[in-house]
Each structure stands twice: as C-alpha cells, then as structure tokens.
N, C-alpha and C. Protein backbone atom coordinates (compact mmCIF):
# COMPACT_ATOMS: atom_id res chain seq x y z
N MET A 1 0.84 -1.18 0.00
CA MET A 1 0.00 0.00 0.00
C MET A 1 0.89 1.24 0.00
N ASN A 2 0.52 2.21 -0.82
CA ASN A 2 1.29 3.46 -0.90
C ASN A 2 0.85 4.43 0.18
N THR A 3 1.77 5.25 0.64
CA THR A 3 1.47 6.26 1.63
C THR A 3 1.55 7.62 0.96
N VAL A 4 0.55 8.47 1.23
CA VAL A 4 0.52 9.81 0.66
C VAL A 4 0.61 10.82 1.79
N THR A 5 1.49 11.80 1.65
CA THR A 5 1.64 12.84 2.64
C THR A 5 1.33 14.18 1.99
N ALA A 6 0.41 14.93 2.56
CA ALA A 6 0.05 16.25 2.02
C ALA A 6 1.11 17.25 2.44
N GLN A 7 1.54 18.11 1.52
CA GLN A 7 2.59 19.08 1.79
C GLN A 7 2.06 20.33 2.50
N LYS A 8 0.77 20.64 2.30
CA LYS A 8 0.21 21.79 2.99
C LYS A 8 -1.19 21.46 3.46
N LYS A 9 -1.69 22.27 4.36
CA LYS A 9 -3.01 22.01 4.93
C LYS A 9 -4.09 22.54 3.98
N TYR A 10 -5.12 21.76 3.81
CA TYR A 10 -6.25 22.13 2.96
C TYR A 10 -7.48 22.27 3.85
N GLN A 11 -7.65 23.44 4.42
CA GLN A 11 -8.78 23.66 5.31
C GLN A 11 -10.05 23.88 4.51
N GLY A 12 -11.05 23.07 4.79
CA GLY A 12 -12.34 23.24 4.15
C GLY A 12 -12.38 22.78 2.70
N GLU A 13 -11.31 22.20 2.21
CA GLU A 13 -11.28 21.73 0.82
C GLU A 13 -11.18 20.22 0.80
N ASP A 14 -11.80 19.61 -0.20
CA ASP A 14 -11.67 18.17 -0.38
C ASP A 14 -10.40 17.88 -1.17
N VAL A 15 -9.74 16.81 -0.83
CA VAL A 15 -8.53 16.40 -1.53
C VAL A 15 -8.81 15.02 -2.12
N VAL A 16 -8.45 14.85 -3.39
CA VAL A 16 -8.65 13.58 -4.08
C VAL A 16 -7.30 13.08 -4.57
N VAL A 17 -7.00 11.82 -4.33
CA VAL A 17 -5.76 11.21 -4.77
C VAL A 17 -6.12 10.12 -5.77
N ILE A 18 -5.55 10.22 -6.98
CA ILE A 18 -5.79 9.21 -8.01
C ILE A 18 -4.46 8.79 -8.62
N PRO A 19 -4.41 7.61 -9.19
CA PRO A 19 -3.16 7.16 -9.85
C PRO A 19 -2.81 8.07 -11.04
N ARG A 20 -1.53 8.19 -11.33
CA ARG A 20 -1.04 9.06 -12.40
C ARG A 20 -1.68 8.70 -13.74
N GLN A 21 -1.83 7.42 -14.03
CA GLN A 21 -2.39 7.00 -15.31
C GLN A 21 -3.82 7.55 -15.47
N GLU A 22 -4.62 7.48 -14.43
CA GLU A 22 -5.98 8.02 -14.48
C GLU A 22 -5.95 9.55 -14.61
N TYR A 23 -5.03 10.20 -13.91
CA TYR A 23 -4.89 11.65 -13.98
C TYR A 23 -4.56 12.09 -15.41
N GLU A 24 -3.61 11.40 -16.03
CA GLU A 24 -3.22 11.74 -17.41
C GLU A 24 -4.37 11.50 -18.38
N TYR A 25 -5.16 10.47 -18.14
CA TYR A 25 -6.33 10.20 -18.97
C TYR A 25 -7.33 11.35 -18.87
N LEU A 26 -7.54 11.85 -17.65
CA LEU A 26 -8.48 12.97 -17.45
C LEU A 26 -7.96 14.26 -18.06
N ILE A 27 -6.65 14.48 -18.02
CA ILE A 27 -6.05 15.69 -18.59
C ILE A 27 -6.28 15.75 -20.10
N LYS A 28 -6.34 14.60 -20.76
CA LYS A 28 -6.59 14.58 -22.21
C LYS A 28 -7.91 15.26 -22.56
N PHE A 29 -8.91 15.12 -21.70
CA PHE A 29 -10.21 15.73 -21.96
C PHE A 29 -10.14 17.25 -21.92
N LYS A 30 -9.18 17.78 -21.19
CA LYS A 30 -9.01 19.22 -21.10
C LYS A 30 -8.62 19.81 -22.46
N LYS A 31 -7.97 19.00 -23.29
CA LYS A 31 -7.51 19.46 -24.59
C LYS A 31 -8.61 19.45 -25.64
N ILE A 32 -9.73 18.76 -25.34
CA ILE A 32 -10.83 18.68 -26.29
C ILE A 32 -11.61 19.99 -26.22
N LYS A 33 -11.77 20.64 -27.36
CA LYS A 33 -12.47 21.91 -27.41
C LYS A 33 -13.98 21.68 -27.26
N GLU A 34 -14.59 22.45 -26.38
CA GLU A 34 -16.02 22.33 -26.16
C GLU A 34 -16.78 23.02 -27.27
N PHE A 35 -17.98 22.52 -27.53
CA PHE A 35 -18.86 23.11 -28.52
C PHE A 35 -19.57 24.31 -27.90
N SER A 36 -19.48 25.46 -28.54
CA SER A 36 -20.18 26.66 -28.10
C SER A 36 -21.15 27.06 -29.20
N PRO A 37 -22.45 26.84 -28.99
CA PRO A 37 -23.42 27.16 -30.05
C PRO A 37 -23.52 28.67 -30.28
N THR A 38 -23.81 29.01 -31.53
CA THR A 38 -24.03 30.41 -31.88
C THR A 38 -25.42 30.82 -31.43
N LEU A 39 -25.72 32.09 -31.50
CA LEU A 39 -27.04 32.58 -31.12
C LEU A 39 -28.12 31.96 -32.01
N ALA A 40 -27.84 31.84 -33.30
CA ALA A 40 -28.81 31.23 -34.22
C ALA A 40 -29.06 29.77 -33.86
N GLN A 41 -28.01 29.04 -33.48
CA GLN A 41 -28.17 27.65 -33.09
C GLN A 41 -28.98 27.52 -31.80
N LYS A 42 -28.76 28.44 -30.87
CA LYS A 42 -29.53 28.43 -29.62
C LYS A 42 -31.01 28.66 -29.90
N LYS A 43 -31.30 29.62 -30.78
CA LYS A 43 -32.69 29.91 -31.13
C LYS A 43 -33.34 28.72 -31.82
N SER A 44 -32.60 28.06 -32.71
CA SER A 44 -33.11 26.88 -33.40
C SER A 44 -33.42 25.76 -32.41
N LEU A 45 -32.56 25.58 -31.43
CA LEU A 45 -32.78 24.56 -30.43
C LEU A 45 -34.03 24.86 -29.60
N ILE A 46 -34.22 26.11 -29.22
CA ILE A 46 -35.41 26.50 -28.46
C ILE A 46 -36.66 26.25 -29.28
N ARG A 47 -36.61 26.60 -30.57
CA ARG A 47 -37.75 26.38 -31.46
C ARG A 47 -38.05 24.88 -31.58
N ALA A 48 -37.01 24.07 -31.72
CA ALA A 48 -37.18 22.63 -31.83
C ALA A 48 -37.77 22.04 -30.54
N GLU A 49 -37.30 22.51 -29.39
CA GLU A 49 -37.83 22.04 -28.12
C GLU A 49 -39.30 22.40 -27.97
N ASN A 50 -39.66 23.62 -28.37
CA ASN A 50 -41.06 24.03 -28.30
C ASN A 50 -41.94 23.19 -29.23
N ASN A 51 -41.45 22.92 -30.43
CA ASN A 51 -42.20 22.07 -31.36
C ASN A 51 -42.37 20.67 -30.79
N PHE A 52 -41.35 20.16 -30.14
CA PHE A 52 -41.43 18.83 -29.54
C PHE A 52 -42.47 18.81 -28.43
N LYS A 53 -42.50 19.85 -27.60
CA LYS A 53 -43.48 19.93 -26.52
C LYS A 53 -44.91 19.99 -27.06
N LYS A 54 -45.08 20.67 -28.21
CA LYS A 54 -46.41 20.80 -28.82
C LYS A 54 -46.75 19.60 -29.70
N ARG A 55 -45.87 18.61 -29.70
CA ARG A 55 -46.03 17.39 -30.51
C ARG A 55 -46.12 17.69 -32.00
N LYS A 56 -45.41 18.71 -32.43
CA LYS A 56 -45.33 19.06 -33.85
C LYS A 56 -44.06 18.44 -34.42
N THR A 57 -44.02 17.12 -34.40
CA THR A 57 -42.84 16.42 -34.88
C THR A 57 -43.25 15.32 -35.85
N LEU A 58 -42.28 14.80 -36.56
CA LEU A 58 -42.51 13.69 -37.49
C LEU A 58 -41.69 12.49 -37.04
N SER A 59 -42.26 11.32 -37.24
CA SER A 59 -41.47 10.12 -37.00
C SER A 59 -40.49 9.96 -38.16
N TYR A 60 -39.56 9.05 -38.02
CA TYR A 60 -38.60 8.82 -39.09
C TYR A 60 -39.31 8.43 -40.38
N ASN A 61 -40.26 7.50 -40.26
CA ASN A 61 -40.98 7.03 -41.45
C ASN A 61 -41.78 8.16 -42.10
N GLU A 62 -42.41 9.03 -41.30
CA GLU A 62 -43.15 10.16 -41.84
C GLU A 62 -42.22 11.13 -42.57
N LEU A 63 -41.07 11.35 -42.01
CA LEU A 63 -40.08 12.25 -42.64
C LEU A 63 -39.62 11.67 -43.98
N VAL A 64 -39.31 10.40 -44.01
CA VAL A 64 -38.86 9.75 -45.24
C VAL A 64 -39.95 9.86 -46.31
N GLN A 65 -41.19 9.65 -45.91
CA GLN A 65 -42.31 9.72 -46.85
C GLN A 65 -42.48 11.14 -47.36
N LYS A 66 -42.42 12.13 -46.47
CA LYS A 66 -42.58 13.54 -46.90
C LYS A 66 -41.46 13.97 -47.83
N LEU A 67 -40.24 13.49 -47.61
CA LEU A 67 -39.12 13.86 -48.45
C LEU A 67 -39.10 13.09 -49.77
N GLY A 68 -39.97 12.08 -49.87
CA GLY A 68 -40.09 11.34 -51.12
C GLY A 68 -39.06 10.26 -51.32
N PHE A 69 -38.43 9.81 -50.23
CA PHE A 69 -37.48 8.72 -50.35
C PHE A 69 -38.21 7.39 -50.31
N ALA A 70 -37.64 6.40 -50.96
CA ALA A 70 -38.23 5.06 -50.94
C ALA A 70 -37.78 4.35 -49.69
N ASN A 71 -38.68 3.57 -49.11
CA ASN A 71 -38.34 2.81 -47.89
C ASN A 71 -37.47 1.67 -48.21
C-alpha cells in the first residue's frame, strides 16, 4: 500500500488522490475543445424544443415519406 503525505493544509477543501495514469487520462479531456453554439443555433434549439413539446414532430418514417425517399 502506498502512503501519501500532504505538503500543505487544505482547510475546508476536499482532496482527491488518483493514480497518475488516471490523472493523465483525465487531462486529455481538457484538450478537447467544447462546442459553443451560436445565437442562431440556440434559437433553433429553443424552437425545436417548443415544437417537440407541442407534438409538432414527425417520426422517421413520416419524414422519409414527406421527403419522397423510398423505404
């Protein structure tokens, strides 16, 4: 079993100890750029959510039929 010694006091803070391999795996996610929607995309999402709440949606099969694709 490994022993861990804290170098300074952490009053009121939680301390988490994880293996280096797991830490490095988590650090990789920091490099992934997050998606930031534009104002137009936010408005489109709100409109889509409202349509969904009002049940103004199409099933996959209805959409395919409306677009004129063959099943």
